[in-house]
Amino acid sequence: MEALALDVDSGWSLTPLAGTAPAPTLEARRFEGHSLRIEAAAAPTLLHLHYAAQQQEEAPLLAIELAPGARCVLLETHGRAGGAATVQNLQLFLRLGRGAQLQHLRAVQPGPQDRVAHQLNAHLEQAARYEQALLATGSAYHQQRVEFELQGEDAEARIGGVLLAAGSALEQQVQARHAAARTRSTMEVLALASGTARVEVSARTHIAAGSSDAETRQRLAGIPTGGQPRLLLRPHLEIHHDQVQAAHGATWGALPEEALFLARQRGIAEAAAKALILEGLARAALTRAIDDTALPEPLRLEAALRSAVAVHLGGAPALQEVSHG
C-alpha cells in the first residue's frame, strides 16, 4: 500500500499494511506538529511509520492516540534524505485509551556524526497495555528517553532495548510512574559496546502512594565486545506504598566463554560465533518485550538486528536506512 505523507513538508510517512481497517485518521496541526488517531477495530491496525530527516537541524513532533479498545502494531524507523550530519530533537507523544494495546517496534540507527535526541512520552489509561522493543546504535551523540505514566488501574508497560555502540556514544533513559492499583512495568536493556564507546542506561520507577499491588521489574545488562568501552548501568526504585512487588538489577560481563568454546568445537569461526551469540542475546531481550515472530515480515526487527550486530562487530559505518519487506 502506498505510504501516506502527514504533511507536504513533513519527514513523516505512514504505510498501513494491506488489510488494515479502518484506515488511521491523519491530521496536520499547524504550530503543534502532527497527530495520528487509531480507532478500535476487529483486527489490530498494522502500520509502518518512517521518518526521513529533511534538514541539518530539526525538531519533529508527532502525537499518536489510540481510542479505547484500539489495538495497533507500529514499526517506527528512521533515515535521512541527504548525506550531511544532522542535529535532531524529536518528540513523540502517545496516549492509550481504556483497554487500548500498542506494540511499538523502533529501529533508530543514526549516522556516525549525527547528534540525535528522541523523547517519548506515553500516557496509559485503565487496562491499557504498551510494549516497546528498541534497537538503537551509537553516533556522535545519541539519547533515547522514554517516560510512561500508568494512570489507570491494571495498566501495563514493557520496555525492551538493545543498544550497540562501537567507538561512539549512546544513552537510554527509561522512567515509569505508577499512579494506580495493579499497574505493572518491566524494563530490560542489553548494552553492547566496543572500542572507546560510552553507553549509559538509566532505569527509574516511581510508585506513588495508593498504588496497591503494583509490580515493577528492572533488568540492565552490559557486555563489552572489544576494546575498552565505558558502560554505566543505573537501576533505581522509588516506592511510596507498602503493598507492591519490585525488583531491579544490573550485570556487567564478558561474552560467555563456554558458548564460544562450543562454537569453535563445531567448526564455527570466532567472528561468526560472536555474531550468533550476540544476536541470540539481543533477540531474547527484545522478545521478552515483544514477541514479533507472529508478526508479518515487514513489521519485524530481525533483519535490522542481524545487520546492526554485523556492523557492530565489523566496525563499518552504521546503515542510514532500514529495509523492511
C-alpha atoms as a PDB file:
ATOM      1  CA  MET A   1       0.000   0.000   0.000  1.00  0.00           C
ATOM      2  CA  GLU A   2       1.297   3.462  -0.830  1.00  0.00           C
ATOM      3  CA  ALA A   3       2.747   5.475   2.036  1.00  0.00           C
ATOM      4  CA  LEU A   4       0.770   8.500   3.224  1.00  0.00           C
ATOM      5  CA  ALA A   5       2.594  11.763   3.958  1.00  0.00           C
ATOM      6  CA  LEU A   6       1.374  13.539   7.069  1.00  0.00           C
ATOM      7  CA  ASP A   7       2.311  16.880   5.544  1.00  0.00           C
ATOM      8  CA  VAL A   8       3.927  18.044   2.320  1.00  0.00           C
ATOM      9  CA  ASP A   9       6.849  19.468   4.322  1.00  0.00           C
ATOM     10  CA  SER A  10       6.979  16.684   6.902  1.00  0.00           C
ATOM     11  CA  GLY A  11       9.556  13.930   7.121  1.00  0.00           C
ATOM     12  CA  TRP A  12       6.927  11.503   8.424  1.00  0.00           C
ATOM     13  CA  SER A  13       5.421   8.862   6.147  1.00  0.00           C
ATOM     14  CA  LEU A  14       2.908   6.201   7.151  1.00  0.00           C
ATOM     15  CA  THR A  15       2.281   2.862   5.432  1.00  0.00           C
ATOM     16  CA  PRO A  16      -0.731   0.815   6.571  1.00  0.00           C
ATOM     17  CA  LEU A  17      -0.271  -2.859   5.731  1.00  0.00           C
ATOM     18  CA  ALA A  18      -2.741  -4.418   3.306  1.00  0.00           C
ATOM     19  CA  GLY A  19      -5.938  -5.467   5.020  1.00  0.00           C
ATOM     20  CA  THR A  20      -5.772  -2.826   7.732  1.00  0.00           C
ATOM     21  CA  ALA A  21      -9.203  -1.429   8.540  1.00  0.00           C
ATOM     22  CA  PRO A  22     -10.288   1.148   9.338  1.00  0.00           C
ATOM     23  CA  ALA A  23      -7.633   3.468   7.919  1.00  0.00           C
ATOM     24  CA  PRO A  24      -5.889   5.623  10.538  1.00  0.00           C
ATOM     25  CA  THR A  25      -7.021   9.216  10.852  1.00  0.00           C
ATOM     26  CA  LEU A  26      -4.248  11.653   9.960  1.00  0.00           C
ATOM     27  CA  GLU A  27      -4.239  15.303  10.881  1.00  0.00           C
ATOM     28  CA  ALA A  28      -1.670  18.047  10.359  1.00  0.00           C
ATOM     29  CA  ARG A  29      -1.960  20.658  13.095  1.00  0.00           C
ATOM     30  CA  ARG A  30      -0.276  23.955  12.416  1.00  0.00           C
ATOM     31  CA  PHE A  31       2.221  25.041  15.072  1.00  0.00           C
ATOM     32  CA  GLU A  32       1.545  21.856  17.082  1.00  0.00           C
ATOM     33  CA  GLY A  33       3.096  19.270  14.779  1.00  0.00           C
ATOM     34  CA  HIS A  34       1.116  16.247  13.612  1.00  0.00           C
ATOM     35  CA  SER A  35      -1.302  13.781  15.115  1.00  0.00           C
ATOM     36  CA  LEU A  36      -2.461  10.260  14.306  1.00  0.00           C
ATOM     37  CA  ARG A  37      -5.599   8.665  15.751  1.00  0.00           C
ATOM     38  CA  ILE A  38      -6.228   4.919  15.634  1.00  0.00           C
ATOM     39  CA  GLU A  39      -9.763   3.665  16.135  1.00  0.00           C
ATOM     40  CA  ALA A  40     -10.874   0.332  17.564  1.00  0.00           C
ATOM     41  CA  ALA A  41     -11.414  -2.458  15.034  1.00  0.00           C
ATOM     42  CA  ALA A  42     -11.984  -6.203  14.915  1.00  0.00           C
ATOM     43  CA  ALA A  43      -8.329  -6.795  13.987  1.00  0.00           C
ATOM     44  CA  PRO A  44      -5.190  -4.907  15.039  1.00  0.00           C
ATOM     45  CA  THR A  45      -4.082  -1.979  12.877  1.00  0.00           C
ATOM     46  CA  LEU A  46      -0.655  -2.696  11.327  1.00  0.00           C
ATOM     47  CA  LEU A  47       1.468   0.344  10.472  1.00  0.00           C
ATOM     48  CA  HIS A  48       4.982   1.266   9.344  1.00  0.00           C
ATOM     49  CA  LEU A  49       5.901   4.813  10.381  1.00  0.00           C
ATOM     50  CA  HIS A  50       9.103   6.184   8.849  1.00  0.00           C
ATOM     51  CA  TYR A  51      10.873   9.467   9.449  1.00  0.00           C
ATOM     52  CA  ALA A  52      13.390  10.833   6.935  1.00  0.00           C
ATOM     53  CA  ALA A  53      15.362  13.824   8.208  1.00  0.00           C
ATOM     54  CA  GLN A  54      14.801  16.837   5.969  1.00  0.00           C
ATOM     55  CA  GLN A  55      17.211  19.414   7.375  1.00  0.00           C
ATOM     56  CA  GLN A  56      20.525  19.560   9.190  1.00  0.00           C
ATOM     57  CA  GLU A  57      18.788  20.881  12.318  1.00  0.00           C
ATOM     58  CA  GLU A  58      15.202  19.971  13.164  1.00  0.00           C
ATOM     59  CA  ALA A  59      12.726  19.235  15.939  1.00  0.00           C
ATOM     60  CA  PRO A  60       9.972  16.942  14.594  1.00  0.00           C
ATOM     61  CA  LEU A  61       6.851  16.273  16.665  1.00  0.00           C
ATOM     62  CA  LEU A  62       4.156  13.620  16.452  1.00  0.00           C
ATOM     63  CA  ALA A  63       1.199  12.692  18.691  1.00  0.00           C
ATOM     64  CA  ILE A  64      -0.449   9.263  18.441  1.00  0.00           C
ATOM     65  CA  GLU A  65      -3.756   8.491  20.155  1.00  0.00           C
ATOM     66  CA  LEU A  66      -5.333   5.057  20.463  1.00  0.00           C
ATOM     67  CA  ALA A  67      -9.082   5.133  21.031  1.00  0.00           C
ATOM     68  CA  PRO A  68     -10.482   2.966  23.842  1.00  0.00           C
ATOM     69  CA  GLY A  69     -10.176  -0.693  22.849  1.00  0.00           C
ATOM     70  CA  ALA A  70      -7.942   0.019  19.835  1.00  0.00           C
ATOM     71  CA  ARG A  71      -5.100  -2.384  19.033  1.00  0.00           C
ATOM     72  CA  CYS A  72      -2.076  -1.464  16.946  1.00  0.00           C
ATOM     73  CA  VAL A  73       1.297  -2.837  15.878  1.00  0.00           C
ATOM     74  CA  LEU A  74       3.589   0.046  14.915  1.00  0.00           C
ATOM     75  CA  LEU A  75       7.045  -0.208  13.350  1.00  0.00           C
ATOM     76  CA  GLU A  76       8.943   3.088  13.588  1.00  0.00           C
ATOM     77  CA  THR A  77      12.113   3.510  11.509  1.00  0.00           C
ATOM     78  CA  HIS A  78      14.404   6.444  10.774  1.00  0.00           C
ATOM     79  CA  GLY A  79      16.637   7.630   7.938  1.00  0.00           C
ATOM     80  CA  ARG A  80      17.599  10.860   6.219  1.00  0.00           C
ATOM     81  CA  ALA A  81      17.152  12.407   2.809  1.00  0.00           C
ATOM     82  CA  GLY A  82      20.731  13.675   2.396  1.00  0.00           C
ATOM     83  CA  GLY A  83      24.245  12.699   3.404  1.00  0.00           C
ATOM     84  CA  ALA A  84      25.093  15.594   5.750  1.00  0.00           C
ATOM     85  CA  ALA A  85      25.199  15.045   9.501  1.00  0.00           C
ATOM     86  CA  THR A  86      22.017  16.065  11.306  1.00  0.00           C
ATOM     87  CA  VAL A  87      21.073  17.517  14.685  1.00  0.00           C
ATOM     88  CA  GLN A  88      17.646  16.240  15.688  1.00  0.00           C
ATOM     89  CA  ASN A  89      15.409  16.715  18.721  1.00  0.00           C
ATOM     90  CA  LEU A  90      12.366  14.513  18.150  1.00  0.00           C
ATOM     91  CA  GLN A  91       9.331  14.303  20.450  1.00  0.00           C
ATOM     92  CA  LEU A  92       6.688  11.586  20.276  1.00  0.00           C
ATOM     93  CA  PHE A  93       3.554  11.642  22.444  1.00  0.00           C
ATOM     94  CA  LEU A  94       1.407   8.540  22.934  1.00  0.00           C
ATOM     95  CA  ARG A  95      -1.987   8.299  24.607  1.00  0.00           C
ATOM     96  CA  LEU A  96      -3.625   4.905  25.081  1.00  0.00           C
ATOM     97  CA  GLY A  97      -7.313   4.934  25.940  1.00  0.00           C
ATOM     98  CA  ARG A  98      -9.020   2.433  28.189  1.00  0.00           C
ATOM     99  CA  GLY A  99      -8.153  -1.127  27.165  1.00  0.00           C
ATOM    100  CA  ALA A 100      -6.016   0.003  24.197  1.00  0.00           C
ATOM    101  CA  GLN A 101      -2.948  -2.028  23.189  1.00  0.00           C
ATOM    102  CA  LEU A 102       0.126  -0.802  21.321  1.00  0.00           C
ATOM    103  CA  GLN A 103       3.096  -2.917  20.257  1.00  0.00           C
ATOM    104  CA  HIS A 104       5.796  -0.432  19.256  1.00  0.00           C
ATOM    105  CA  LEU A 105       8.919  -1.646  17.435  1.00  0.00           C
ATOM    106  CA  ARG A 106      11.605   1.013  16.929  1.00  0.00           C
ATOM    107  CA  ALA A 107      14.827   0.969  14.887  1.00  0.00           C
ATOM    108  CA  VAL A 108      16.962   4.113  15.274  1.00  0.00           C
ATOM    109  CA  GLN A 109      20.369   3.915  13.558  1.00  0.00           C
ATOM    110  CA  PRO A 110      21.823   7.398  13.002  1.00  0.00           C
ATOM    111  CA  GLY A 111      24.952   8.234  11.040  1.00  0.00           C
ATOM    112  CA  PRO A 112      28.312   8.323  12.855  1.00  0.00           C
ATOM    113  CA  GLN A 113      28.374  12.146  13.089  1.00  0.00           C
ATOM    114  CA  ASP A 114      24.668  12.686  13.791  1.00  0.00           C
ATOM    115  CA  ARG A 115      23.525  14.212  17.073  1.00  0.00           C
ATOM    116  CA  VAL A 116      20.154  12.749  17.980  1.00  0.00           C
ATOM    117  CA  ALA A 117      17.819  13.106  20.957  1.00  0.00           C
ATOM    118  CA  HIS A 118      14.450  11.328  20.967  1.00  0.00           C
ATOM    119  CA  GLN A 119      11.923  11.751  23.761  1.00  0.00           C
ATOM    120  CA  LEU A 120       8.822   9.577  24.002  1.00  0.00           C
ATOM    121  CA  ASN A 121       6.017  10.240  26.482  1.00  0.00           C
ATOM    122  CA  ALA A 122       3.277   7.636  26.927  1.00  0.00           C
ATOM    123  CA  HIS A 123       0.070   8.014  28.963  1.00  0.00           C
ATOM    124  CA  LEU A 124      -1.836   4.810  29.755  1.00  0.00           C
ATOM    125  CA  GLU A 125      -5.410   4.747  30.956  1.00  0.00           C
ATOM    126  CA  GLN A 126      -7.210   1.865  32.659  1.00  0.00           C
ATOM    127  CA  ALA A 127      -6.229  -1.641  31.427  1.00  0.00           C
ATOM    128  CA  ALA A 128      -4.134  -0.164  28.594  1.00  0.00           C
ATOM    129  CA  ARG A 129      -1.021  -2.095  27.526  1.00  0.00           C
ATOM    130  CA  TYR A 130       2.093  -0.646  25.898  1.00  0.00           C
ATOM    131  CA  GLU A 131       5.053  -2.711  24.679  1.00  0.00           C
ATOM    132  CA  GLN A 132       8.210  -1.275  23.137  1.00  0.00           C
ATOM    133  CA  ALA A 133      11.196  -3.024  21.530  1.00  0.00           C
ATOM    134  CA  LEU A 134      14.035  -0.617  20.696  1.00  0.00           C
ATOM    135  CA  LEU A 135      17.069  -1.290  18.515  1.00  0.00           C
ATOM    136  CA  ALA A 136      19.495   1.657  18.649  1.00  0.00           C
ATOM    137  CA  THR A 137      23.074   2.278  17.521  1.00  0.00           C
ATOM    138  CA  GLY A 138      25.583   4.885  18.620  1.00  0.00           C
ATOM    139  CA  SER A 139      26.655   8.139  16.980  1.00  0.00           C
ATOM    140  CA  ALA A 140      28.456  11.361  17.953  1.00  0.00           C
ATOM    141  CA  TYR A 141      25.557  11.909  20.386  1.00  0.00           C
ATOM    142  CA  HIS A 142      22.506   9.697  20.713  1.00  0.00           C
ATOM    143  CA  GLN A 143      19.981   9.771  23.543  1.00  0.00           C
ATOM    144  CA  GLN A 144      16.734   7.826  23.789  1.00  0.00           C
ATOM    145  CA  ARG A 145      14.405   8.866  26.623  1.00  0.00           C
ATOM    146  CA  VAL A 146      11.109   7.156  27.452  1.00  0.00           C
ATOM    147  CA  GLU A 147       8.665   8.317  30.126  1.00  0.00           C
ATOM    148  CA  PHE A 148       5.398   6.494  30.694  1.00  0.00           C
ATOM    149  CA  GLU A 149       2.574   7.273  33.067  1.00  0.00           C
ATOM    150  CA  LEU A 150       0.471   4.370  34.314  1.00  0.00           C
ATOM    151  CA  GLN A 151      -2.576   6.422  35.263  1.00  0.00           C
ATOM    152  CA  GLY A 152      -5.332   3.802  35.154  1.00  0.00           C
ATOM    153  CA  GLU A 153      -5.782   0.632  37.169  1.00  0.00           C
ATOM    154  CA  ASP A 154      -4.376  -2.544  35.546  1.00  0.00           C
ATOM    155  CA  ALA A 155      -2.308  -0.550  33.042  1.00  0.00           C
ATOM    156  CA  GLU A 156       0.924  -2.250  31.923  1.00  0.00           C
ATOM    157  CA  ALA A 157       4.102  -1.181  30.115  1.00  0.00           C
ATOM    158  CA  ARG A 158       7.003  -3.336  28.914  1.00  0.00           C
ATOM    159  CA  ILE A 159      10.212  -1.823  27.539  1.00  0.00           C
ATOM    160  CA  GLY A 160      12.971  -3.865  25.915  1.00  0.00           C
ATOM    161  CA  GLY A 161      16.081  -2.309  24.412  1.00  0.00           C
ATOM    162  CA  VAL A 162      19.234  -3.402  22.587  1.00  0.00           C
ATOM    163  CA  LEU A 163      21.936  -0.740  22.337  1.00  0.00           C
ATOM    164  CA  LEU A 164      25.038  -1.130  20.160  1.00  0.00           C
ATOM    165  CA  ALA A 165      27.892   1.352  20.179  1.00  0.00           C
ATOM    166  CA  ALA A 166      31.345   0.943  18.592  1.00  0.00           C
ATOM    167  CA  GLY A 167      33.584   3.895  19.421  1.00  0.00           C
ATOM    168  CA  SER A 168      30.522   6.152  19.725  1.00  0.00           C
ATOM    169  CA  ALA A 169      28.050   7.463  22.310  1.00  0.00           C
ATOM    170  CA  LEU A 170      24.626   6.094  23.229  1.00  0.00           C
ATOM    171  CA  GLU A 171      22.312   6.695  26.178  1.00  0.00           C
ATOM    172  CA  GLN A 172      18.903   5.353  27.125  1.00  0.00           C
ATOM    173  CA  GLN A 173      16.743   6.685  29.941  1.00  0.00           C
ATOM    174  CA  VAL A 174      13.527   4.926  30.937  1.00  0.00           C
ATOM    175  CA  GLN A 175      11.203   6.314  33.579  1.00  0.00           C
ATOM    176  CA  ALA A 176       7.925   4.803  34.787  1.00  0.00           C
ATOM    177  CA  ARG A 177       5.383   6.383  37.111  1.00  0.00           C
ATOM    178  CA  HIS A 178       2.793   4.125  38.753  1.00  0.00           C
ATOM    179  CA  ALA A 179      -0.233   6.114  39.874  1.00  0.00           C
ATOM    180  CA  ALA A 180      -2.946   3.444  40.229  1.00  0.00           C
ATOM    181  CA  ALA A 181      -3.565  -0.006  41.672  1.00  0.00           C
ATOM    182  CA  ARG A 182      -2.380  -3.206  39.952  1.00  0.00           C
ATOM    183  CA  THR A 183      -0.182  -1.379  37.459  1.00  0.00           C
ATOM    184  CA  ARG A 184       2.824  -3.233  36.048  1.00  0.00           C
ATOM    185  CA  SER A 185       6.069  -2.180  34.403  1.00  0.00           C
ATOM    186  CA  THR A 186       9.055  -4.107  33.065  1.00  0.00           C
ATOM    187  CA  MET A 187      12.306  -2.617  31.771  1.00  0.00           C
ATOM    188  CA  GLU A 188      15.076  -4.702  30.200  1.00  0.00           C
ATOM    189  CA  VAL A 189      18.072  -3.279  28.331  1.00  0.00           C
ATOM    190  CA  LEU A 190      21.098  -5.026  26.826  1.00  0.00           C
ATOM    191  CA  ALA A 191      24.035  -2.722  26.033  1.00  0.00           C
ATOM    192  CA  LEU A 192      26.839  -3.901  23.710  1.00  0.00           C
ATOM    193  CA  ALA A 193      29.878  -1.639  23.476  1.00  0.00           C
ATOM    194  CA  SER A 194      33.320  -1.758  21.892  1.00  0.00           C
ATOM    195  CA  GLY A 195      36.360   0.430  21.267  1.00  0.00           C
ATOM    196  CA  THR A 196      36.101   3.733  23.122  1.00  0.00           C
ATOM    197  CA  ALA A 197      32.301   3.722  23.194  1.00  0.00           C
ATOM    198  CA  ARG A 198      30.388   5.231  26.092  1.00  0.00           C
ATOM    199  CA  VAL A 199      26.980   3.706  26.830  1.00  0.00           C
ATOM    200  CA  GLU A 200      24.736   4.833  29.687  1.00  0.00           C
ATOM    201  CA  VAL A 201      21.478   3.180  30.735  1.00  0.00           C
ATOM    202  CA  SER A 202      19.239   4.591  33.452  1.00  0.00           C
ATOM    203  CA  ALA A 203      16.003   2.986  34.627  1.00  0.00           C
ATOM    204  CA  ARG A 204      13.849   4.741  37.200  1.00  0.00           C
ATOM    205  CA  THR A 205      10.480   3.655  38.600  1.00  0.00           C
ATOM    206  CA  HIS A 206       8.267   5.746  40.865  1.00  0.00           C
ATOM    207  CA  ILE A 207       5.372   4.007  42.636  1.00  0.00           C
ATOM    208  CA  ALA A 208       3.006   6.512  44.190  1.00  0.00           C
ATOM    209  CA  ALA A 209       1.112   6.108  47.439  1.00  0.00           C
ATOM    210  CA  GLY A 210      -2.128   4.198  46.923  1.00  0.00           C
ATOM    211  CA  SER A 211      -0.762   2.041  44.079  1.00  0.00           C
ATOM    212  CA  SER A 212      -1.759  -1.234  45.724  1.00  0.00           C
ATOM    213  CA  ASP A 213      -0.405  -4.448  44.186  1.00  0.00           C
ATOM    214  CA  ALA A 214       1.772  -2.575  41.699  1.00  0.00           C
ATOM    215  CA  GLU A 215       4.611  -4.589  40.149  1.00  0.00           C
ATOM    216  CA  THR A 216       7.864  -3.440  38.592  1.00  0.00           C
ATOM    217  CA  ARG A 217      10.986  -5.171  37.278  1.00  0.00           C
ATOM    218  CA  GLN A 218      14.254  -3.663  36.031  1.00  0.00           C
ATOM    219  CA  ARG A 219      16.987  -5.695  34.362  1.00  0.00           C
ATOM    220  CA  LEU A 220      20.034  -3.947  32.881  1.00  0.00           C
ATOM    221  CA  ALA A 221      22.977  -5.779  31.314  1.00  0.00           C
ATOM    222  CA  GLY A 222      26.173  -4.642  29.625  1.00  0.00           C
ATOM    223  CA  ILE A 223      28.705  -6.609  27.582  1.00  0.00           C
ATOM    224  CA  PRO A 224      31.990  -5.170  26.254  1.00  0.00           C
ATOM    225  CA  THR A 225      32.672  -6.745  22.858  1.00  0.00           C
ATOM    226  CA  GLY A 226      36.181  -5.359  22.296  1.00  0.00           C
ATOM    227  CA  GLY A 227      38.488  -2.500  23.240  1.00  0.00           C
ATOM    228  CA  GLN A 228      37.914  -0.515  26.414  1.00  0.00           C
ATOM    229  CA  PRO A 229      34.364   0.870  26.335  1.00  0.00           C
ATOM    230  CA  ARG A 230      32.671   2.558  29.272  1.00  0.00           C
ATOM    231  CA  LEU A 231      29.352   1.080  30.405  1.00  0.00           C
ATOM    232  CA  LEU A 232      27.216   2.788  33.032  1.00  0.00           C
ATOM    233  CA  LEU A 233      24.106   0.968  34.293  1.00  0.00           C
ATOM    234  CA  ARG A 234      21.844   2.725  36.795  1.00  0.00           C
ATOM    235  CA  PRO A 235      18.673   0.979  38.063  1.00  0.00           C
ATOM    236  CA  HIS A 236      16.604   2.953  40.595  1.00  0.00           C
ATOM    237  CA  LEU A 237      13.357   2.388  42.503  1.00  0.00           C
ATOM    238  CA  GLU A 238      11.329   4.989  44.402  1.00  0.00           C
ATOM    239  CA  ILE A 239       8.464   3.338  46.280  1.00  0.00           C
ATOM    240  CA  HIS A 240       5.834   5.146  48.370  1.00  0.00           C
ATOM    241  CA  HIS A 241       3.476   2.233  49.028  1.00  0.00           C
ATOM    242  CA  ASP A 242       3.994  -0.938  51.059  1.00  0.00           C
ATOM    243  CA  GLN A 243       1.903  -3.446  49.134  1.00  0.00           C
ATOM    244  CA  VAL A 244       3.979  -3.780  45.936  1.00  0.00           C
ATOM    245  CA  GLN A 245       6.354  -6.195  44.206  1.00  0.00           C
ATOM    246  CA  ALA A 246       9.614  -4.728  42.945  1.00  0.00           C
ATOM    247  CA  ALA A 247      12.997  -5.985  41.778  1.00  0.00           C
ATOM    248  CA  HIS A 248      15.948  -4.438  39.998  1.00  0.00           C
ATOM    249  CA  GLY A 249      19.442  -5.416  38.983  1.00  0.00           C
ATOM    250  CA  ALA A 250      22.408  -4.595  36.784  1.00  0.00           C
ATOM    251  CA  THR A 251      25.029  -7.011  35.445  1.00  0.00           C
ATOM    252  CA  TRP A 252      28.232  -6.368  33.509  1.00  0.00           C
ATOM    253  CA  GLY A 253      30.295  -9.148  31.979  1.00  0.00           C
ATOM    254  CA  ALA A 254      32.031 -10.689  29.007  1.00  0.00           C
ATOM    255  CA  LEU A 255      30.660 -12.959  26.300  1.00  0.00           C
ATOM    256  CA  PRO A 256      30.065 -16.476  27.654  1.00  0.00           C
ATOM    257  CA  GLU A 257      33.310 -18.394  27.092  1.00  0.00           C
ATOM    258  CA  GLU A 258      31.542 -21.750  27.177  1.00  0.00           C
ATOM    259  CA  ALA A 259      29.326 -20.780  24.251  1.00  0.00           C
ATOM    260  CA  LEU A 260      32.365 -19.567  22.262  1.00  0.00           C
ATOM    261  CA  PHE A 261      34.215 -22.811  23.027  1.00  0.00           C
ATOM    262  CA  LEU A 262      31.298 -24.973  21.907  1.00  0.00           C
ATOM    263  CA  ALA A 263      31.020 -22.958  18.679  1.00  0.00           C
ATOM    264  CA  ARG A 264      34.719 -23.454  17.925  1.00  0.00           C
ATOM    265  CA  GLN A 265      34.344 -27.182  18.629  1.00  0.00           C
ATOM    266  CA  ARG A 266      31.722 -27.273  15.882  1.00  0.00           C
ATOM    267  CA  GLY A 267      33.995 -25.571  13.399  1.00  0.00           C
ATOM    268  CA  ILE A 268      32.383 -22.127  13.602  1.00  0.00           C
ATOM    269  CA  ALA A 269      34.824 -19.234  13.207  1.00  0.00           C
ATOM    270  CA  GLU A 270      35.151 -16.966  16.235  1.00  0.00           C
ATOM    271  CA  ALA A 271      33.726 -13.905  14.456  1.00  0.00           C
ATOM    272  CA  ALA A 272      30.670 -15.853  13.297  1.00  0.00           C
ATOM    273  CA  ALA A 273      30.275 -17.384  16.759  1.00  0.00           C
ATOM    274  CA  LYS A 274      30.315 -13.937  18.382  1.00  0.00           C
ATOM    275  CA  ALA A 275      27.681 -12.706  15.945  1.00  0.00           C
ATOM    276  CA  LEU A 276      25.426 -15.691  16.636  1.00  0.00           C
ATOM    277  CA  ILE A 277      25.756 -15.323  20.415  1.00  0.00           C
ATOM    278  CA  LEU A 278      25.123 -11.583  20.388  1.00  0.00           C
ATOM    279  CA  GLU A 279      22.149 -11.974  18.057  1.00  0.00           C
ATOM    280  CA  GLY A 280      20.712 -14.603  20.392  1.00  0.00           C
ATOM    281  CA  LEU A 281      21.159 -12.449  23.495  1.00  0.00           C
ATOM    282  CA  ALA A 282      19.734  -9.384  21.757  1.00  0.00           C
ATOM    283  CA  ARG A 283      16.802 -11.288  20.278  1.00  0.00           C
ATOM    284  CA  ALA A 284      15.927 -12.695  23.718  1.00  0.00           C
ATOM    285  CA  ALA A 285      15.953  -9.205  25.288  1.00  0.00           C
ATOM    286  CA  LEU A 286      13.664  -7.803  22.591  1.00  0.00           C
ATOM    287  CA  THR A 287      11.358 -10.815  22.531  1.00  0.00           C
ATOM    288  CA  ARG A 288      10.661 -10.509  26.248  1.00  0.00           C
ATOM    289  CA  ALA A 289       9.159  -7.109  25.443  1.00  0.00           C
ATOM    290  CA  ILE A 290       7.513  -8.012  22.110  1.00  0.00           C
ATOM    291  CA  ASP A 291       7.461 -11.465  20.582  1.00  0.00           C
ATOM    292  CA  ASP A 292       7.394 -10.431  16.928  1.00  0.00           C
ATOM    293  CA  THR A 293       7.725 -13.933  15.465  1.00  0.00           C
ATOM    294  CA  ALA A 294       3.982 -13.981  14.751  1.00  0.00           C
ATOM    295  CA  LEU A 295       4.031 -10.559  13.072  1.00  0.00           C
ATOM    296  CA  PRO A 296       4.170 -10.022   9.304  1.00  0.00           C
ATOM    297  CA  GLU A 297       7.733  -9.859   7.967  1.00  0.00           C
ATOM    298  CA  PRO A 298       7.569  -6.098   7.168  1.00  0.00           C
ATOM    299  CA  LEU A 299       6.993  -5.349  10.871  1.00  0.00           C
ATOM    300  CA  ARG A 300       9.801  -7.463  12.346  1.00  0.00           C
ATOM    301  CA  LEU A 301      13.195  -6.271  13.611  1.00  0.00           C
ATOM    302  CA  GLU A 302      15.066  -9.469  12.776  1.00  0.00           C
ATOM    303  CA  ALA A 303      16.838  -8.223   9.641  1.00  0.00           C
ATOM    304  CA  ALA A 304      17.712  -4.883  11.226  1.00  0.00           C
ATOM    305  CA  LEU A 305      19.100  -6.640  14.307  1.00  0.00           C
ATOM    306  CA  ARG A 306      21.262  -9.004  12.271  1.00  0.00           C
ATOM    307  CA  SER A 307      22.647  -6.090  10.242  1.00  0.00           C
ATOM    308  CA  ALA A 308      23.304  -3.983  13.345  1.00  0.00           C
ATOM    309  CA  VAL A 309      25.251  -6.796  15.039  1.00  0.00           C
ATOM    310  CA  ALA A 310      27.323  -7.380  11.889  1.00  0.00           C
ATOM    311  CA  VAL A 311      28.113  -3.656  11.630  1.00  0.00           C
ATOM    312  CA  HIS A 312      28.980  -3.525  15.332  1.00  0.00           C
ATOM    313  CA  LEU A 313      31.450  -6.379  15.131  1.00  0.00           C
ATOM    314  CA  GLY A 314      32.905  -5.279  11.796  1.00  0.00           C
ATOM    315  CA  GLY A 315      33.355  -1.633  12.663  1.00  0.00           C
ATOM    316  CA  ALA A 316      31.718  -0.470   9.418  1.00  0.00           C
ATOM    317  CA  PRO A 317      29.684   2.765   9.337  1.00  0.00           C
ATOM    318  CA  ALA A 318      26.105   2.417  10.536  1.00  0.00           C
ATOM    319  CA  LEU A 319      23.389   1.980   7.921  1.00  0.00           C
ATOM    320  CA  GLN A 320      21.333   5.062   7.173  1.00  0.00           C
ATOM    321  CA  GLU A 321      18.137   3.304   6.110  1.00  0.00           C
ATOM    322  CA  VAL A 322      16.444   0.236   7.468  1.00  0.00           C
ATOM    323  CA  SER A 323      14.946  -2.004   4.805  1.00  0.00           C
ATOM    324  CA  HIS A 324      11.735  -3.884   5.542  1.00  0.00           C
ATOM    325  CA  GLY A 325       9.576  -6.053   3.375  1.00  0.00           C
END
